[in-house]
Amino acid sequence: MTQSFPNKLKLIKIMADHSKKQCVVVTGFGPFEGHQVNASWECVKELEKIGLGGKINIIICEIPVAYKKAKSIIPALWEKHNPLLMVHVGVSGQASEITLETLAHNDGYLRPDVESSMPEDCMCISDSCHEVIQSEIDMNQVCQKVNQTRDLKVKSVVSDDPGRYLCDFTYFLSLHQDKSRSAFIHVPPLQKPYTVIDLALGLQASIQAMLCQVNGVK
């Protein structure tokens, strides 16, 4: 029996909604002082190549190391894609492993960005009632799963200090949008000691573990 036109539209909407739920947005950062080749963006591009498995659609975006641009881009990504998960990736010269950040801060942004600018009042969101927002994703559980993954060269650790720069700032923007679907991962610089593919595989394992939580899979 042929479906009626309204039923076909309903089916198309259901399929579109399902597709939207399977979208994961992953961002990396552009160059800044000391990191003319930003390891985070290189790893994100490599992650897009290897994928997350299943029917997960990865959307990647390079974020300039600039407060105003980040504050414009991040909410736009949420509105456009309504991702199942938003994962920001940044580089840290202090990191030696995949570093899973648990929280972000709203204030204390005193370091100028690549445009020599700082946010107004050194705050991320001036009307936010939160000084700190913590992700509802259990990063300790993610860390455990990553470190139990066979044949993975890189290990992971958990951190509660994303750095009071664009990494922290960007993470707070997403946590403000939805703390149940937001994550931040720091990677070390390339070849210190891991290759881009080693780190991309670490990102893949981390995000897959996060997706299990978001999807309610133990």
N, C-alpha and C. Protein backbone atom coordinates (compact mmCIF):
# COMPACT_ATOMS: atom_id res chain seq x y z
N MET A 1 0.84 -1.19 0.00
CA MET A 1 0.00 0.00 0.00
C MET A 1 0.89 1.26 0.00
N THR A 2 0.57 2.21 -0.86
CA THR A 2 1.38 3.42 -0.99
C THR A 2 1.16 4.35 0.19
N GLN A 3 2.25 4.90 0.75
CA GLN A 3 2.13 5.81 1.87
C GLN A 3 1.53 7.14 1.42
N SER A 4 0.73 7.75 2.30
CA SER A 4 0.18 9.06 2.00
C SER A 4 1.28 10.10 2.10
N PHE A 5 1.07 11.27 1.48
CA PHE A 5 2.06 12.34 1.47
C PHE A 5 2.43 12.81 2.88
N PRO A 6 1.46 13.02 3.80
CA PRO A 6 1.80 13.43 5.16
C PRO A 6 2.66 12.39 5.89
N ASN A 7 2.35 11.09 5.65
CA ASN A 7 3.13 10.04 6.30
C ASN A 7 4.57 10.01 5.79
N LYS A 8 4.74 10.28 4.49
CA LYS A 8 6.08 10.33 3.92
C LYS A 8 6.89 11.47 4.55
N LEU A 9 6.21 12.62 4.72
CA LEU A 9 6.89 13.75 5.35
C LEU A 9 7.29 13.42 6.78
N LYS A 10 6.42 12.72 7.49
CA LYS A 10 6.71 12.32 8.87
C LYS A 10 7.91 11.39 8.92
N LEU A 11 7.97 10.44 7.99
CA LEU A 11 9.08 9.50 7.92
C LEU A 11 10.39 10.23 7.62
N ILE A 12 10.33 11.19 6.70
CA ILE A 12 11.53 11.96 6.36
C ILE A 12 12.02 12.73 7.58
N LYS A 13 11.10 13.31 8.34
CA LYS A 13 11.47 14.06 9.55
C LYS A 13 12.13 13.15 10.58
N ILE A 14 11.57 11.96 10.78
CA ILE A 14 12.13 11.00 11.74
C ILE A 14 13.55 10.62 11.33
N MET A 15 13.73 10.38 10.03
CA MET A 15 15.06 10.01 9.52
C MET A 15 16.03 11.16 9.70
N ALA A 16 15.57 12.37 9.46
CA ALA A 16 16.43 13.55 9.62
C ALA A 16 16.82 13.72 11.08
N ASP A 17 15.87 13.56 11.99
CA ASP A 17 16.16 13.68 13.42
C ASP A 17 17.16 12.63 13.87
N HIS A 18 17.00 11.40 13.37
CA HIS A 18 17.93 10.33 13.73
C HIS A 18 19.34 10.65 13.25
N SER A 19 19.41 11.18 12.01
CA SER A 19 20.71 11.54 11.47
C SER A 19 21.37 12.62 12.32
N LYS A 20 20.59 13.60 12.75
CA LYS A 20 21.11 14.69 13.56
C LYS A 20 21.64 14.17 14.89
N LYS A 21 20.98 13.18 15.47
CA LYS A 21 21.41 12.63 16.75
C LYS A 21 22.75 11.92 16.64
N GLN A 22 23.10 11.48 15.43
CA GLN A 22 24.34 10.74 15.25
C GLN A 22 25.50 11.63 14.79
N CYS A 23 25.33 12.95 14.91
CA CYS A 23 26.37 13.89 14.52
C CYS A 23 27.27 14.20 15.71
N VAL A 24 28.58 14.13 15.49
CA VAL A 24 29.55 14.53 16.50
C VAL A 24 30.41 15.65 15.90
N VAL A 25 30.46 16.78 16.59
CA VAL A 25 31.30 17.89 16.16
C VAL A 25 32.61 17.85 16.94
N VAL A 26 33.72 17.90 16.22
CA VAL A 26 35.04 17.89 16.85
C VAL A 26 35.82 19.10 16.34
N THR A 27 36.31 19.91 17.25
CA THR A 27 37.05 21.10 16.84
C THR A 27 38.51 21.01 17.28
N GLY A 28 39.36 21.70 16.52
CA GLY A 28 40.75 21.89 16.89
C GLY A 28 41.06 23.37 16.78
N PHE A 29 42.24 23.78 17.18
CA PHE A 29 42.60 25.19 17.15
C PHE A 29 43.62 25.50 16.07
N GLY A 30 43.59 26.76 15.64
CA GLY A 30 44.57 27.25 14.68
C GLY A 30 45.89 27.59 15.36
N PRO A 31 46.83 28.15 14.60
CA PRO A 31 48.16 28.47 15.13
C PRO A 31 48.11 29.57 16.19
N PHE A 32 49.07 29.52 17.10
CA PHE A 32 49.30 30.61 18.05
C PHE A 32 50.76 30.54 18.48
N GLU A 33 51.17 31.49 19.27
CA GLU A 33 52.59 31.59 19.64
C GLU A 33 53.11 30.29 20.23
N GLY A 34 54.18 29.81 19.64
CA GLY A 34 54.79 28.57 20.09
C GLY A 34 54.23 27.33 19.44
N HIS A 35 53.15 27.48 18.68
CA HIS A 35 52.51 26.34 18.02
C HIS A 35 52.04 26.77 16.62
N GLN A 36 53.01 27.00 15.76
CA GLN A 36 52.66 27.42 14.39
C GLN A 36 51.95 26.32 13.62
N VAL A 37 52.26 25.08 13.96
CA VAL A 37 51.46 23.93 13.52
C VAL A 37 50.78 23.39 14.76
N ASN A 38 49.48 23.61 14.84
CA ASN A 38 48.76 23.23 16.05
C ASN A 38 48.41 21.74 16.01
N ALA A 39 48.97 21.00 16.95
CA ALA A 39 48.77 19.55 16.99
C ALA A 39 47.29 19.18 17.11
N SER A 40 46.51 20.02 17.77
CA SER A 40 45.09 19.69 17.96
C SER A 40 44.36 19.61 16.62
N TRP A 41 44.60 20.58 15.74
CA TRP A 41 43.92 20.58 14.45
C TRP A 41 44.44 19.45 13.55
N GLU A 42 45.73 19.17 13.62
CA GLU A 42 46.29 18.07 12.83
C GLU A 42 45.67 16.74 13.26
N CYS A 43 45.49 16.55 14.56
CA CYS A 43 44.89 15.31 15.07
C CYS A 43 43.42 15.21 14.70
N VAL A 44 42.71 16.34 14.74
CA VAL A 44 41.29 16.33 14.39
C VAL A 44 41.11 15.98 12.91
N LYS A 45 41.96 16.52 12.06
CA LYS A 45 41.89 16.19 10.62
C LYS A 45 42.16 14.71 10.40
N GLU A 46 43.10 14.16 11.15
CA GLU A 46 43.41 12.72 11.02
C GLU A 46 42.25 11.89 11.56
N LEU A 47 41.62 12.34 12.63
CA LEU A 47 40.46 11.64 13.18
C LEU A 47 39.32 11.57 12.16
N GLU A 48 39.13 12.65 11.43
CA GLU A 48 38.08 12.64 10.41
C GLU A 48 38.34 11.54 9.38
N LYS A 49 39.59 11.30 9.06
CA LYS A 49 39.95 10.26 8.08
C LYS A 49 39.63 8.86 8.60
N ILE A 50 39.94 8.60 9.87
CA ILE A 50 39.76 7.25 10.39
C ILE A 50 38.35 7.01 10.91
N GLY A 51 37.64 8.09 11.24
CA GLY A 51 36.24 7.98 11.64
C GLY A 51 36.05 7.46 13.06
N LEU A 52 34.78 7.35 13.44
CA LEU A 52 34.41 6.87 14.78
C LEU A 52 33.69 5.53 14.73
N GLY A 53 33.53 4.98 13.55
CA GLY A 53 32.84 3.71 13.41
C GLY A 53 31.34 3.88 13.35
N GLY A 54 30.66 2.83 12.95
CA GLY A 54 29.20 2.85 12.89
C GLY A 54 28.68 3.90 11.93
N LYS A 55 27.60 4.55 12.32
CA LYS A 55 26.97 5.55 11.47
C LYS A 55 27.20 6.97 12.00
N ILE A 56 28.26 7.14 12.76
CA ILE A 56 28.55 8.45 13.33
C ILE A 56 29.12 9.37 12.27
N ASN A 57 28.51 10.51 12.11
CA ASN A 57 28.97 11.52 11.16
C ASN A 57 29.82 12.55 11.91
N ILE A 58 31.10 12.66 11.52
CA ILE A 58 32.00 13.61 12.16
C ILE A 58 32.01 14.92 11.37
N ILE A 59 31.80 16.00 12.08
CA ILE A 59 31.94 17.34 11.51
C ILE A 59 33.08 18.02 12.24
N ILE A 60 34.09 18.49 11.50
CA ILE A 60 35.24 19.11 12.13
C ILE A 60 35.28 20.60 11.82
N CYS A 61 35.91 21.34 12.71
CA CYS A 61 35.99 22.79 12.54
C CYS A 61 37.26 23.29 13.22
N GLU A 62 37.98 24.16 12.53
CA GLU A 62 39.17 24.79 13.11
C GLU A 62 38.76 26.11 13.76
N ILE A 63 39.09 26.27 15.04
CA ILE A 63 38.74 27.47 15.79
C ILE A 63 39.96 28.38 15.89
N PRO A 64 39.86 29.63 15.44
CA PRO A 64 40.98 30.56 15.63
C PRO A 64 41.24 30.79 17.12
N VAL A 65 42.48 31.04 17.46
CA VAL A 65 42.83 31.30 18.86
C VAL A 65 42.51 32.76 19.16
N ALA A 66 41.22 33.06 19.14
CA ALA A 66 40.72 34.42 19.32
C ALA A 66 39.39 34.35 20.06
N TYR A 67 39.28 35.08 21.16
CA TYR A 67 38.10 35.00 22.01
C TYR A 67 36.80 35.35 21.27
N LYS A 68 36.79 36.49 20.56
CA LYS A 68 35.57 36.93 19.90
C LYS A 68 35.11 35.92 18.85
N LYS A 69 36.05 35.38 18.11
CA LYS A 69 35.69 34.42 17.06
C LYS A 69 35.19 33.11 17.67
N ALA A 70 35.83 32.66 18.72
CA ALA A 70 35.36 31.44 19.40
C ALA A 70 33.96 31.64 19.94
N LYS A 71 33.72 32.82 20.51
CA LYS A 71 32.40 33.10 21.10
C LYS A 71 31.31 33.17 20.05
N SER A 72 31.67 33.45 18.82
CA SER A 72 30.71 33.45 17.72
C SER A 72 30.54 32.06 17.12
N ILE A 73 31.65 31.35 16.94
CA ILE A 73 31.64 30.07 16.24
C ILE A 73 30.98 28.96 17.06
N ILE A 74 31.30 28.86 18.34
CA ILE A 74 30.82 27.73 19.15
C ILE A 74 29.30 27.67 19.23
N PRO A 75 28.61 28.75 19.61
CA PRO A 75 27.14 28.67 19.62
C PRO A 75 26.55 28.38 18.25
N ALA A 76 27.20 28.88 17.21
CA ALA A 76 26.71 28.63 15.84
C ALA A 76 26.81 27.15 15.49
N LEU A 77 27.87 26.50 15.92
CA LEU A 77 28.02 25.06 15.68
C LEU A 77 26.92 24.27 16.38
N TRP A 78 26.62 24.66 17.61
CA TRP A 78 25.53 24.00 18.34
C TRP A 78 24.20 24.19 17.63
N GLU A 79 23.94 25.41 17.22
CA GLU A 79 22.65 25.70 16.59
C GLU A 79 22.51 24.99 15.24
N LYS A 80 23.58 24.98 14.46
CA LYS A 80 23.52 24.39 13.13
C LYS A 80 23.43 22.87 13.16
N HIS A 81 24.21 22.23 14.03
CA HIS A 81 24.34 20.77 13.98
C HIS A 81 23.62 20.04 15.10
N ASN A 82 23.30 20.70 16.20
CA ASN A 82 22.69 20.03 17.36
C ASN A 82 23.33 18.67 17.59
N PRO A 83 24.63 18.65 17.87
CA PRO A 83 25.35 17.37 17.91
C PRO A 83 24.98 16.49 19.09
N LEU A 84 25.16 15.21 18.87
CA LEU A 84 25.05 14.25 19.97
C LEU A 84 26.15 14.53 20.98
N LEU A 85 27.29 14.99 20.47
CA LEU A 85 28.44 15.25 21.32
C LEU A 85 29.28 16.36 20.68
N MET A 86 29.73 17.30 21.49
CA MET A 86 30.65 18.35 21.04
C MET A 86 31.96 18.15 21.76
N VAL A 87 33.02 17.91 20.99
CA VAL A 87 34.34 17.66 21.58
C VAL A 87 35.33 18.69 21.06
N HIS A 88 35.92 19.43 21.98
CA HIS A 88 36.97 20.38 21.61
C HIS A 88 38.32 19.77 21.93
N VAL A 89 39.27 19.96 21.02
CA VAL A 89 40.62 19.43 21.20
C VAL A 89 41.60 20.59 21.16
N GLY A 90 42.50 20.63 22.12
CA GLY A 90 43.53 21.66 22.16
C GLY A 90 44.89 21.05 22.44
N VAL A 91 45.93 21.82 22.18
CA VAL A 91 47.29 21.35 22.45
C VAL A 91 47.79 21.96 23.75
N SER A 92 48.54 21.18 24.48
CA SER A 92 49.18 21.67 25.71
C SER A 92 50.63 21.22 25.73
N GLY A 93 51.51 22.19 25.90
CA GLY A 93 52.93 21.86 25.98
C GLY A 93 53.27 21.10 27.25
N GLN A 94 52.37 21.13 28.23
CA GLN A 94 52.58 20.41 29.49
C GLN A 94 52.04 18.99 29.45
N ALA A 95 51.25 18.68 28.42
CA ALA A 95 50.64 17.34 28.34
C ALA A 95 51.64 16.34 27.76
N SER A 96 51.57 15.13 28.28
CA SER A 96 52.38 14.04 27.72
C SER A 96 51.49 12.88 27.29
N GLU A 97 50.19 12.97 27.59
CA GLU A 97 49.22 11.94 27.22
C GLU A 97 47.93 12.63 26.75
N ILE A 98 46.96 11.84 26.31
CA ILE A 98 45.62 12.35 26.07
C ILE A 98 45.06 12.81 27.41
N THR A 99 44.72 14.09 27.51
CA THR A 99 44.29 14.66 28.79
C THR A 99 42.82 15.05 28.72
N LEU A 100 42.01 14.40 29.53
CA LEU A 100 40.56 14.59 29.54
C LEU A 100 40.20 15.64 30.59
N GLU A 101 39.70 16.78 30.13
CA GLU A 101 39.37 17.88 31.03
C GLU A 101 37.96 17.71 31.59
N THR A 102 37.81 17.94 32.88
CA THR A 102 36.52 17.71 33.54
C THR A 102 35.65 18.95 33.65
N LEU A 103 36.27 20.15 33.59
CA LEU A 103 35.52 21.37 33.87
C LEU A 103 36.14 22.57 33.16
N ALA A 104 35.41 23.70 33.21
CA ALA A 104 35.91 24.94 32.63
C ALA A 104 35.48 26.11 33.50
N HIS A 105 36.20 27.23 33.36
CA HIS A 105 35.98 28.42 34.19
C HIS A 105 35.37 29.56 33.37
N ASN A 106 34.62 30.39 34.06
CA ASN A 106 33.98 31.53 33.39
C ASN A 106 34.84 32.79 33.43
N ASP A 107 35.79 32.89 34.36
CA ASP A 107 36.55 34.13 34.47
C ASP A 107 38.04 33.85 34.56
N GLY A 108 38.81 34.95 34.62
CA GLY A 108 40.26 34.81 34.74
C GLY A 108 41.00 34.81 33.42
N TYR A 109 40.37 35.30 32.37
CA TYR A 109 41.00 35.27 31.04
C TYR A 109 41.82 36.54 30.83
N LEU A 110 43.05 36.50 31.31
CA LEU A 110 43.93 37.66 31.31
C LEU A 110 44.98 37.63 30.20
N ARG A 111 45.06 36.51 29.49
CA ARG A 111 46.09 36.36 28.46
C ARG A 111 45.54 36.80 27.10
N PRO A 112 46.18 37.75 26.43
CA PRO A 112 45.71 38.18 25.11
C PRO A 112 45.77 37.07 24.09
N ASP A 113 44.83 37.10 23.15
CA ASP A 113 44.79 36.09 22.10
C ASP A 113 45.65 36.50 20.91
N VAL A 114 45.54 35.80 19.79
CA VAL A 114 46.38 36.10 18.62
C VAL A 114 46.04 37.45 18.00
N GLU A 115 44.89 38.00 18.37
CA GLU A 115 44.51 39.33 17.89
C GLU A 115 44.81 40.40 18.94
N SER A 116 45.59 40.02 19.96
CA SER A 116 45.97 40.92 21.06
C SER A 116 44.75 41.43 21.82
N SER A 117 43.71 40.62 21.90
CA SER A 117 42.47 40.99 22.58
C SER A 117 42.21 40.06 23.76
N MET A 118 41.41 40.57 24.70
CA MET A 118 40.92 39.78 25.82
C MET A 118 39.41 39.99 25.93
N PRO A 119 38.70 39.03 26.50
CA PRO A 119 37.25 39.20 26.63
C PRO A 119 36.91 40.30 27.63
N GLU A 120 35.74 40.90 27.45
CA GLU A 120 35.28 41.95 28.35
C GLU A 120 35.20 41.43 29.78
N ASP A 121 35.75 42.21 30.72
CA ASP A 121 35.79 41.83 32.14
C ASP A 121 36.55 40.53 32.37
N CYS A 122 37.32 40.11 31.36
CA CYS A 122 38.10 38.86 31.45
C CYS A 122 37.21 37.66 31.72
N MET A 123 35.96 37.74 31.25
CA MET A 123 35.00 36.67 31.49
C MET A 123 34.55 36.05 30.16
N CYS A 124 34.10 34.81 30.25
CA CYS A 124 33.58 34.12 29.08
C CYS A 124 32.14 34.57 28.80
N ILE A 125 31.25 34.39 29.77
CA ILE A 125 29.84 34.78 29.62
C ILE A 125 29.49 35.65 30.82
N SER A 126 29.32 36.95 30.57
CA SER A 126 29.19 37.92 31.67
C SER A 126 27.95 37.71 32.52
N ASP A 127 26.87 37.18 31.92
CA ASP A 127 25.63 37.01 32.69
C ASP A 127 25.44 35.58 33.21
N SER A 128 26.50 34.77 33.14
CA SER A 128 26.40 33.41 33.66
C SER A 128 26.43 33.43 35.18
N CYS A 129 25.63 32.58 35.80
CA CYS A 129 25.62 32.48 37.27
C CYS A 129 26.63 31.45 37.76
N HIS A 130 27.41 30.88 36.84
CA HIS A 130 28.36 29.83 37.21
C HIS A 130 29.80 30.33 37.07
N GLU A 131 30.59 30.12 38.10
CA GLU A 131 32.02 30.38 37.99
C GLU A 131 32.73 29.22 37.31
N VAL A 132 32.22 28.03 37.56
CA VAL A 132 32.77 26.80 36.99
C VAL A 132 31.60 25.92 36.55
N ILE A 133 31.76 25.27 35.39
CA ILE A 133 30.79 24.26 34.97
C ILE A 133 31.55 22.96 34.74
N GLN A 134 31.04 21.88 35.29
CA GLN A 134 31.67 20.57 35.14
C GLN A 134 30.89 19.74 34.13
N SER A 135 31.60 19.04 33.28
CA SER A 135 30.95 18.15 32.33
C SER A 135 30.27 17.00 33.06
N GLU A 136 29.10 16.62 32.56
CA GLU A 136 28.40 15.48 33.14
C GLU A 136 28.93 14.15 32.59
N ILE A 137 29.82 14.21 31.64
CA ILE A 137 30.48 13.00 31.14
C ILE A 137 31.53 12.58 32.17
N ASP A 138 31.50 11.34 32.58
CA ASP A 138 32.43 10.82 33.59
C ASP A 138 33.78 10.58 32.93
N MET A 139 34.69 11.54 33.09
CA MET A 139 35.99 11.43 32.43
C MET A 139 36.86 10.34 33.04
N ASN A 140 36.65 10.02 34.30
CA ASN A 140 37.41 8.92 34.90
C ASN A 140 37.05 7.60 34.24
N GLN A 141 35.77 7.44 33.93
CA GLN A 141 35.33 6.23 33.24
C GLN A 141 35.88 6.19 31.82
N VAL A 142 35.87 7.34 31.15
CA VAL A 142 36.44 7.43 29.80
C VAL A 142 37.92 7.08 29.84
N CYS A 143 38.63 7.64 30.81
CA CYS A 143 40.07 7.38 30.96
C CYS A 143 40.34 5.90 31.14
N GLN A 144 39.55 5.25 31.98
CA GLN A 144 39.74 3.83 32.23
C GLN A 144 39.55 3.02 30.95
N LYS A 145 38.51 3.35 30.18
CA LYS A 145 38.24 2.62 28.95
C LYS A 145 39.36 2.81 27.93
N VAL A 146 39.84 4.04 27.82
CA VAL A 146 40.93 4.32 26.87
C VAL A 146 42.17 3.53 27.25
N ASN A 147 42.50 3.53 28.53
CA ASN A 147 43.72 2.86 28.97
C ASN A 147 43.62 1.34 28.93
N GLN A 148 42.40 0.84 28.77
CA GLN A 148 42.21 -0.60 28.62
C GLN A 148 42.11 -1.03 27.16
N THR A 149 42.15 -0.05 26.24
CA THR A 149 42.05 -0.35 24.81
C THR A 149 43.33 -1.00 24.31
N ARG A 150 43.20 -2.16 23.73
CA ARG A 150 44.36 -2.91 23.25
C ARG A 150 44.99 -2.23 22.04
N ASP A 151 46.30 -2.34 21.94
CA ASP A 151 47.08 -1.85 20.80
C ASP A 151 47.06 -0.33 20.65
N LEU A 152 46.67 0.37 21.69
CA LEU A 152 46.67 1.83 21.65
C LEU A 152 47.96 2.31 22.30
N LYS A 153 48.78 3.04 21.56
CA LYS A 153 50.08 3.47 22.07
C LYS A 153 49.95 4.54 23.14
N VAL A 154 49.02 5.46 22.95
CA VAL A 154 48.88 6.59 23.86
C VAL A 154 47.97 6.22 25.03
N LYS A 155 48.27 6.77 26.18
CA LYS A 155 47.44 6.60 27.37
C LYS A 155 46.71 7.90 27.66
N SER A 156 45.76 7.84 28.60
CA SER A 156 45.01 9.04 28.95
C SER A 156 45.09 9.32 30.44
N VAL A 157 44.88 10.59 30.78
CA VAL A 157 44.82 11.03 32.17
C VAL A 157 43.65 12.02 32.30
N VAL A 158 43.25 12.29 33.54
CA VAL A 158 42.15 13.21 33.80
C VAL A 158 42.69 14.48 34.44
N SER A 159 42.14 15.63 34.04
CA SER A 159 42.60 16.92 34.55
C SER A 159 41.42 17.81 34.92
N ASP A 160 41.64 18.70 35.89
CA ASP A 160 40.62 19.69 36.23
C ASP A 160 41.16 21.11 36.05
N ASP A 161 42.15 21.26 35.15
CA ASP A 161 42.74 22.58 34.89
C ASP A 161 43.00 22.77 33.40
N PRO A 162 41.99 23.25 32.65
CA PRO A 162 42.16 23.43 31.21
C PRO A 162 42.92 24.69 30.81
N GLY A 163 43.36 25.53 31.77
CA GLY A 163 44.38 26.50 31.43
C GLY A 163 44.07 27.98 31.34
N ARG A 164 42.84 28.43 31.49
CA ARG A 164 42.49 29.86 31.46
C ARG A 164 42.95 30.57 30.18
N TYR A 165 42.84 29.86 29.06
CA TYR A 165 43.10 30.50 27.75
C TYR A 165 41.99 30.04 26.82
N LEU A 166 42.25 29.98 25.54
CA LEU A 166 41.17 29.65 24.61
C LEU A 166 40.60 28.26 24.81
N CYS A 167 41.39 27.34 25.31
CA CYS A 167 40.88 25.99 25.57
C CYS A 167 39.80 26.04 26.65
N ASP A 168 40.14 26.62 27.78
CA ASP A 168 39.21 26.77 28.89
C ASP A 168 37.97 27.58 28.45
N PHE A 169 38.22 28.68 27.76
CA PHE A 169 37.17 29.59 27.30
C PHE A 169 36.18 28.86 26.38
N THR A 170 36.71 28.13 25.41
CA THR A 170 35.86 27.41 24.46
C THR A 170 35.06 26.32 25.15
N TYR A 171 35.70 25.62 26.07
CA TYR A 171 35.03 24.55 26.80
C TYR A 171 33.86 25.11 27.61
N PHE A 172 34.08 26.26 28.25
CA PHE A 172 32.99 26.86 29.04
C PHE A 172 31.81 27.23 28.13
N LEU A 173 32.11 27.74 26.94
CA LEU A 173 31.04 28.09 26.01
C LEU A 173 30.16 26.87 25.71
N SER A 174 30.77 25.73 25.49
CA SER A 174 29.99 24.53 25.18
C SER A 174 29.30 23.95 26.41
N LEU A 175 29.98 23.96 27.54
CA LEU A 175 29.33 23.49 28.77
C LEU A 175 28.12 24.34 29.10
N HIS A 176 28.21 25.63 28.79
CA HIS A 176 27.07 26.53 29.00
C HIS A 176 25.90 26.14 28.09
N GLN A 177 26.21 25.63 26.91
CA GLN A 177 25.16 25.16 25.99
C GLN A 177 24.52 23.87 26.48
N ASP A 178 25.36 22.88 26.82
CA ASP A 178 24.85 21.59 27.30
C ASP A 178 25.99 20.80 27.93
N LYS A 179 26.01 20.75 29.25
CA LYS A 179 27.10 20.07 29.96
C LYS A 179 27.01 18.56 29.88
N SER A 180 25.89 18.03 29.40
CA SER A 180 25.76 16.58 29.26
C SER A 180 26.35 16.07 27.95
N ARG A 181 26.68 16.99 27.04
CA ARG A 181 27.15 16.60 25.71
C ARG A 181 28.42 17.34 25.30
N SER A 182 29.19 17.81 26.27
CA SER A 182 30.38 18.61 25.97
C SER A 182 31.62 18.00 26.60
N ALA A 183 32.71 18.03 25.85
CA ALA A 183 33.97 17.47 26.33
C ALA A 183 35.15 18.27 25.79
N PHE A 184 36.25 18.19 26.50
CA PHE A 184 37.50 18.81 26.02
C PHE A 184 38.66 17.85 26.26
N ILE A 185 39.51 17.75 25.23
CA ILE A 185 40.67 16.88 25.29
C ILE A 185 41.92 17.67 24.92
N HIS A 186 42.93 17.61 25.77
CA HIS A 186 44.23 18.18 25.42
C HIS A 186 45.13 17.08 24.87
N VAL A 187 45.88 17.44 23.84
CA VAL A 187 46.89 16.52 23.30
C VAL A 187 48.26 17.16 23.44
N PRO A 188 49.31 16.36 23.54
CA PRO A 188 50.66 16.93 23.56
C PRO A 188 51.08 17.37 22.16
N PRO A 189 52.12 18.15 22.04
CA PRO A 189 52.64 18.50 20.72
C PRO A 189 53.04 17.24 19.94
N LEU A 190 53.01 17.32 18.64
CA LEU A 190 53.35 16.18 17.80
C LEU A 190 54.80 15.74 18.03
N GLN A 191 54.96 14.43 18.01
CA GLN A 191 56.28 13.79 18.17
C GLN A 191 56.85 13.96 19.58
N LYS A 192 56.00 14.29 20.54
CA LYS A 192 56.47 14.45 21.92
C LYS A 192 55.62 13.62 22.89
N PRO A 193 55.64 12.30 22.78
CA PRO A 193 56.43 11.49 21.84
C PRO A 193 55.59 10.87 20.71
N TYR A 194 54.30 11.24 20.60
CA TYR A 194 53.39 10.49 19.74
C TYR A 194 53.22 11.12 18.36
N THR A 195 52.97 10.26 17.38
CA THR A 195 52.68 10.72 16.03
C THR A 195 51.24 11.20 15.95
N VAL A 196 50.91 11.84 14.84
CA VAL A 196 49.55 12.33 14.66
C VAL A 196 48.54 11.19 14.62
N ILE A 197 48.91 10.06 14.03
CA ILE A 197 47.99 8.93 13.97
C ILE A 197 47.82 8.30 15.36
N ASP A 198 48.91 8.24 16.15
CA ASP A 198 48.79 7.73 17.53
C ASP A 198 47.77 8.56 18.31
N LEU A 199 47.89 9.88 18.19
CA LEU A 199 46.99 10.78 18.93
C LEU A 199 45.57 10.72 18.38
N ALA A 200 45.44 10.61 17.07
CA ALA A 200 44.10 10.50 16.48
C ALA A 200 43.39 9.23 16.95
N LEU A 201 44.13 8.14 17.06
CA LEU A 201 43.55 6.90 17.58
C LEU A 201 43.17 7.05 19.05
N GLY A 202 43.96 7.83 19.80
CA GLY A 202 43.60 8.12 21.18
C GLY A 202 42.33 8.94 21.28
N LEU A 203 42.20 9.92 20.39
CA LEU A 203 40.97 10.71 20.33
C LEU A 203 39.79 9.82 19.97
N GLN A 204 39.99 8.95 19.00
CA GLN A 204 38.92 8.04 18.58
C GLN A 204 38.42 7.20 19.75
N ALA A 205 39.36 6.60 20.49
CA ALA A 205 38.98 5.75 21.63
C ALA A 205 38.27 6.57 22.71
N SER A 206 38.76 7.79 22.94
CA SER A 206 38.16 8.65 23.96
C SER A 206 36.73 9.02 23.59
N ILE A 207 36.53 9.44 22.35
CA ILE A 207 35.20 9.87 21.92
C ILE A 207 34.23 8.70 21.85
N GLN A 208 34.71 7.55 21.44
CA GLN A 208 33.85 6.36 21.44
C GLN A 208 33.38 6.03 22.85
N ALA A 209 34.27 6.16 23.83
CA ALA A 209 33.90 5.91 25.23
C ALA A 209 32.89 6.95 25.71
N MET A 210 33.06 8.20 25.29
CA MET A 210 32.10 9.25 25.65
C MET A 210 30.73 8.97 25.03
N LEU A 211 30.73 8.52 23.78
CA LEU A 211 29.47 8.22 23.11
C LEU A 211 28.71 7.11 23.80
N CYS A 212 29.43 6.16 24.37
CA CYS A 212 28.75 5.09 25.12
C CYS A 212 27.97 5.69 26.29
N GLN A 213 28.56 6.66 26.96
CA GLN A 213 27.85 7.31 28.08
C GLN A 213 26.67 8.12 27.59
N VAL A 214 26.88 8.91 26.54
CA VAL A 214 25.81 9.75 26.00
C VAL A 214 24.64 8.91 25.53
N ASN A 215 24.96 7.75 24.96
CA ASN A 215 23.92 6.85 24.46
C ASN A 215 23.38 5.90 25.53
N GLY A 216 23.92 6.00 26.76
CA GLY A 216 23.44 5.17 27.84
C GLY A 216 23.89 3.73 27.76
N VAL A 217 25.04 3.50 27.09
CA VAL A 217 25.57 2.14 26.96
C VAL A 217 26.68 1.95 27.98
N LYS A 218 26.59 0.91 28.81
CA LYS A 218 27.62 0.67 29.82
C LYS A 218 28.76 -0.13 29.25
